[in-house]
C-alpha atoms as a PDB file:
ATOM      1  CA  MET A   1      18.857 -16.818  -3.832  1.00  0.00           C
ATOM      2  CA  VAL A   2      16.337 -19.316  -3.270  1.00  0.00           C
ATOM      3  CA  ALA A   3      14.677 -17.658  -0.733  1.00  0.00           C
ATOM      4  CA  TYR A   4      14.008 -14.768  -2.374  1.00  0.00           C
ATOM      5  CA  VAL A   5      12.563 -16.645  -5.670  1.00  0.00           C
ATOM      6  CA  GLN A   6      10.376 -18.381  -2.974  1.00  0.00           C
ATOM      7  CA  LEU A   7       9.235 -15.108  -1.354  1.00  0.00           C
ATOM      8  CA  SER A   8       9.146 -12.892  -4.994  1.00  0.00           C
ATOM      9  CA  LEU A   9       6.886 -16.272  -5.859  1.00  0.00           C
ATOM     10  CA  TYR A  10       5.206 -15.301  -2.299  1.00  0.00           C
ATOM     11  CA  ILE A  11       4.467 -11.953  -3.323  1.00  0.00           C
ATOM     12  CA  CYS A  12       3.323 -12.295  -7.147  1.00  0.00           C
ATOM     13  CA  ALA A  13       0.572 -14.543  -4.967  1.00  0.00           C
ATOM     14  CA  LEU A  14      -1.207 -12.771  -3.324  1.00  0.00           C
ATOM     15  CA  LEU A  15      -1.010  -9.385  -5.962  1.00  0.00           C
ATOM     16  CA  ILE A  16      -3.019 -12.193  -7.755  1.00  0.00           C
ATOM     17  CA  GLN A  17      -5.722 -12.488  -4.981  1.00  0.00           C
ATOM     18  CA  ASN A  18      -5.595  -9.302  -4.136  1.00  0.00           C
ATOM     19  CA  PRO A  19      -5.012  -6.862  -6.778  1.00  0.00           C
ATOM     20  CA  ALA A  20      -4.247  -3.023  -6.436  1.00  0.00           C
ATOM     21  CA  GLU A  21      -5.568  -1.723  -9.235  1.00  0.00           C
ATOM     22  CA  PRO A  22      -8.653  -3.007 -11.301  1.00  0.00           C
ATOM     23  CA  ALA A  23      -6.755  -5.444 -13.833  1.00  0.00           C
ATOM     24  CA  ALA A  24      -6.512  -4.609 -17.232  1.00  0.00           C
ATOM     25  CA  GLU A  25      -9.649  -7.162 -18.967  1.00  0.00           C
ATOM     26  CA  LYS A  26     -11.576  -4.239 -16.620  1.00  0.00           C
ATOM     27  CA  ARG A  27      -9.829  -1.666 -17.793  1.00  0.00           C
ATOM     28  CA  ALA A  28     -10.167  -2.540 -21.163  1.00  0.00           C
ATOM     29  CA  GLU A  29     -13.745  -2.478 -20.908  1.00  0.00           C
ATOM     30  CA  ASN A  30     -14.082   1.313 -19.716  1.00  0.00           C
ATOM     31  CA  MET A  31     -11.739   2.211 -22.475  1.00  0.00           C
ATOM     32  CA  LYS A  32     -12.563   4.843 -24.959  1.00  0.00           C
ATOM     33  CA  ASN A  33     -10.746   3.728 -28.478  1.00  0.00           C
ATOM     34  CA  THR A  34     -10.783  -0.520 -29.583  1.00  0.00           C
ATOM     35  CA  ILE A  35      -7.703  -2.118 -30.182  1.00  0.00           C
ATOM     36  CA  GLU A  36      -8.868  -2.177 -33.972  1.00  0.00           C
ATOM     37  CA  THR A  37      -9.819   1.759 -33.813  1.00  0.00           C
ATOM     38  CA  MET A  38      -5.875   2.140 -32.246  1.00  0.00           C
ATOM     39  CA  ARG A  39      -4.817   0.071 -35.034  1.00  0.00           C
ATOM     40  CA  GLU A  40      -6.076   1.953 -37.601  1.00  0.00           C
ATOM     41  CA  ALA A  41      -5.019   5.350 -36.189  1.00  0.00           C
ATOM     42  CA  VAL A  42      -1.233   3.646 -36.451  1.00  0.00           C
ATOM     43  CA  GLU A  43      -2.125   2.658 -40.600  1.00  0.00           C
ATOM     44  CA  ASN A  44      -3.772   6.185 -40.894  1.00  0.00           C
ATOM     45  CA  GLY A  45      -0.968   8.061 -38.992  1.00  0.00           C
ATOM     46  CA  THR A  46      -3.719   9.677 -36.343  1.00  0.00           C
ATOM     47  CA  ALA A  47      -1.438   7.680 -33.900  1.00  0.00           C
ATOM     48  CA  LYS A  48       2.429   9.030 -32.856  1.00  0.00           C
ATOM     49  CA  ILE A  49       5.586   7.350 -31.700  1.00  0.00           C
ATOM     50  CA  LEU A  50       5.205   8.097 -27.655  1.00  0.00           C
ATOM     51  CA  THR A  51       8.360   8.968 -26.666  1.00  0.00           C
ATOM     52  CA  THR A  52      10.402  10.937 -23.455  1.00  0.00           C
ATOM     53  CA  SER A  53      10.310  14.467 -24.412  1.00  0.00           C
ATOM     54  CA  ILE A  54       6.357  13.546 -25.707  1.00  0.00           C
ATOM     55  CA  ALA A  55       5.410  11.718 -22.615  1.00  0.00           C
ATOM     56  CA  GLU A  56       6.679  14.892 -20.613  1.00  0.00           C
ATOM     57  CA  GLU A  57       4.848  17.058 -22.147  1.00  0.00           C
ATOM     58  CA  LEU A  58       1.499  14.911 -21.793  1.00  0.00           C
ATOM     59  CA  LYS A  59       1.647  14.929 -18.242  1.00  0.00           C
ATOM     60  CA  GLY A  60      -1.527  15.129 -16.604  1.00  0.00           C
ATOM     61  CA  LYS A  61      -3.675  14.117 -19.895  1.00  0.00           C
ATOM     62  CA  THR A  62      -5.591  11.172 -20.272  1.00  0.00           C
ATOM     63  CA  ILE A  63      -3.783   8.843 -23.731  1.00  0.00           C
ATOM     64  CA  SER A  64      -4.969   5.447 -24.837  1.00  0.00           C
ATOM     65  CA  THR A  65      -1.501   3.617 -26.191  1.00  0.00           C
ATOM     66  CA  ILE A  66      -1.565   0.307 -28.518  1.00  0.00           C
ATOM     67  CA  TYR A  67       1.817  -2.294 -29.053  1.00  0.00           C
ATOM     68  CA  PHE A  68       1.338  -4.306 -31.612  1.00  0.00           C
ATOM     69  CA  GLY A  69       2.608  -7.564 -29.627  1.00  0.00           C
ATOM     70  CA  TYR A  70       3.071 -11.719 -31.723  1.00  0.00           C
ATOM     71  CA  ARG A  71       0.905 -12.907 -34.281  1.00  0.00           C
ATOM     72  CA  GLY A  72      -1.983 -10.567 -33.046  1.00  0.00           C
ATOM     73  CA  GLN A  73      -1.387 -10.385 -29.471  1.00  0.00           C
ATOM     74  CA  ASP A  74      -1.134  -6.836 -29.377  1.00  0.00           C
ATOM     75  CA  GLY A  75      -2.255  -4.630 -25.976  1.00  0.00           C
ATOM     76  CA  ILE A  76      -3.860  -1.209 -25.789  1.00  0.00           C
ATOM     77  CA  ASP A  77      -4.231   0.668 -22.936  1.00  0.00           C
ATOM     78  CA  GLU A  78      -5.854   4.538 -21.783  1.00  0.00           C
ATOM     79  CA  PHE A  79      -4.179   6.473 -18.537  1.00  0.00           C
ATOM     80  CA  VAL A  80      -3.762  10.150 -17.120  1.00  0.00           C
ATOM     81  CA  VAL A  81      -0.121   9.940 -18.344  1.00  0.00           C
ATOM     82  CA  GLY A  82       2.100  10.571 -14.871  1.00  0.00           C
ATOM     83  CA  GLU A  83       6.289  10.341 -14.365  1.00  0.00           C
ATOM     84  CA  VAL A  84       9.148   9.204 -16.653  1.00  0.00           C
ATOM     85  CA  LYS A  85      11.446   7.642 -14.453  1.00  0.00           C
ATOM     86  CA  ASN A  86      14.156   5.468 -14.051  1.00  0.00           C
ATOM     87  CA  GLU A  87      12.926   1.894 -12.388  1.00  0.00           C
ATOM     88  CA  ILE A  88      14.553   0.443  -9.639  1.00  0.00           C
ATOM     89  CA  TYR A  89      15.532  -2.985  -9.156  1.00  0.00           C
ATOM     90  CA  ALA A  90      15.623  -4.583  -6.388  1.00  0.00           C
ATOM     91  CA  SER A  91      18.727  -5.365  -6.511  1.00  0.00           C
ATOM     92  CA  GLY A  92      20.064  -1.620  -6.606  1.00  0.00           C
ATOM     93  CA  LYS A  93      20.957  -1.415 -10.188  1.00  0.00           C
ATOM     94  CA  ILE A  94      18.748   0.990 -12.118  1.00  0.00           C
ATOM     95  CA  GLY A  95      16.692   0.009 -15.613  1.00  0.00           C
ATOM     96  CA  PRO A  96      15.202   1.882 -18.505  1.00  0.00           C
ATOM     97  CA  LEU A  97      13.025   5.163 -17.531  1.00  0.00           C
ATOM     98  CA  CYS A  98       9.236   3.928 -17.834  1.00  0.00           C
ATOM     99  CA  LEU A  99       6.131   5.119 -18.285  1.00  0.00           C
ATOM    100  CA  PHE A 100       3.851   5.593 -14.636  1.00  0.00           C
ATOM    101  CA  THR A 101      -0.251   7.012 -14.925  1.00  0.00           C
ATOM    102  CA  SER A 102      -0.553   9.826 -12.625  1.00  0.00           C
ATOM    103  CA  ASP A 103      -1.562   7.466  -9.360  1.00  0.00           C
ATOM    104  CA  GLY A 104       1.481   5.354 -10.122  1.00  0.00           C
ATOM    105  CA  ARG A 105       0.949   2.623 -11.692  1.00  0.00           C
ATOM    106  CA  ASN A 106       3.994   0.964 -13.914  1.00  0.00           C
ATOM    107  CA  THR A 107       3.023   0.911 -17.893  1.00  0.00           C
ATOM    108  CA  PHE A 108       5.826  -0.904 -18.336  1.00  0.00           C
ATOM    109  CA  ILE A 109       6.491   1.137 -21.037  1.00  0.00           C
ATOM    110  CA  ARG A 110       9.955   2.022 -21.135  1.00  0.00           C
ATOM    111  CA  ALA A 111      12.422   3.807 -23.067  1.00  0.00           C
ATOM    112  CA  HIS A 112      15.423   2.154 -25.000  1.00  0.00           C
ATOM    113  CA  GLU A 113      18.683   3.821 -25.175  1.00  0.00           C
ATOM    114  CA  VAL A 114      19.304   2.641 -28.537  1.00  0.00           C
ATOM    115  CA  ASN A 115      15.698   3.824 -29.878  1.00  0.00           C
ATOM    116  CA  CYS A 116      16.502   8.027 -29.280  1.00  0.00           C
ATOM    117  CA  SER A 117      13.905   7.803 -26.508  1.00  0.00           C
ATOM    118  CA  ALA A 118      11.103   5.999 -28.189  1.00  0.00           C
ATOM    119  CA  PHE A 119       8.782   4.064 -25.623  1.00  0.00           C
ATOM    120  CA  THR A 120       8.523   0.534 -26.001  1.00  0.00           C
ATOM    121  CA  CYS A 121       6.655  -2.575 -24.901  1.00  0.00           C
ATOM    122  CA  SER A 122       9.405  -4.936 -24.010  1.00  0.00           C
ATOM    123  CA  ASP A 123      10.965  -5.337 -27.112  1.00  0.00           C
ATOM    124  CA  ILE A 124      13.105  -2.636 -28.143  1.00  0.00           C
ATOM    125  CA  ASP A 125      11.841  -2.670 -32.040  1.00  0.00           C
ATOM    126  CA  ARG A 126       8.178  -3.092 -31.102  1.00  0.00           C
ATOM    127  CA  PHE A 127       7.115   0.251 -30.452  1.00  0.00           C
ATOM    128  CA  VAL A 128       4.225   2.283 -28.390  1.00  0.00           C
ATOM    129  CA  TYR A 129       2.056   4.445 -29.785  1.00  0.00           C
ATOM    130  CA  PHE A 130      -0.180   7.062 -28.659  1.00  0.00           C
ATOM    131  CA  ILE A 131      -3.656   9.565 -29.059  1.00  0.00           C
ATOM    132  CA  GLU A 132      -4.595  12.459 -27.489  1.00  0.00           C
ATOM    133  CA  HIS A 133      -7.830  12.333 -25.537  1.00  0.00           C
ATOM    134  CA  GLU A 134     -10.050  15.723 -25.363  1.00  0.00           C
ATOM    135  CA  ASN A 135      -9.948  16.490 -21.912  1.00  0.00           C
END
């Protein structure tokens, strides 16, 4: 177990030093929607809760997403919708459904069974909202 933890920490360190994708901050610079516009879209009903069935319909389309964090630590992302598939852990255990981008990046947006296929981010009570872009 100790060797597994050490290997995991080593891999994490490598990923931090040589990320395979642009950092979230870099992606945020190029986003069409800001955190403020996304919050406003949720308040006025323009942004909708993202579900697994909606994600399947959006495959190949660009969306902006927002989830609400603790004490204003909200997060946004923008990507082309890819696959909805289960995470598979190193132990072989099958995890919840996750949303991936069209280029295979894990968005860490999960659909927990208790939420009737609605996507959440981390906690099952923090729904992910989305706005579809005009392509």
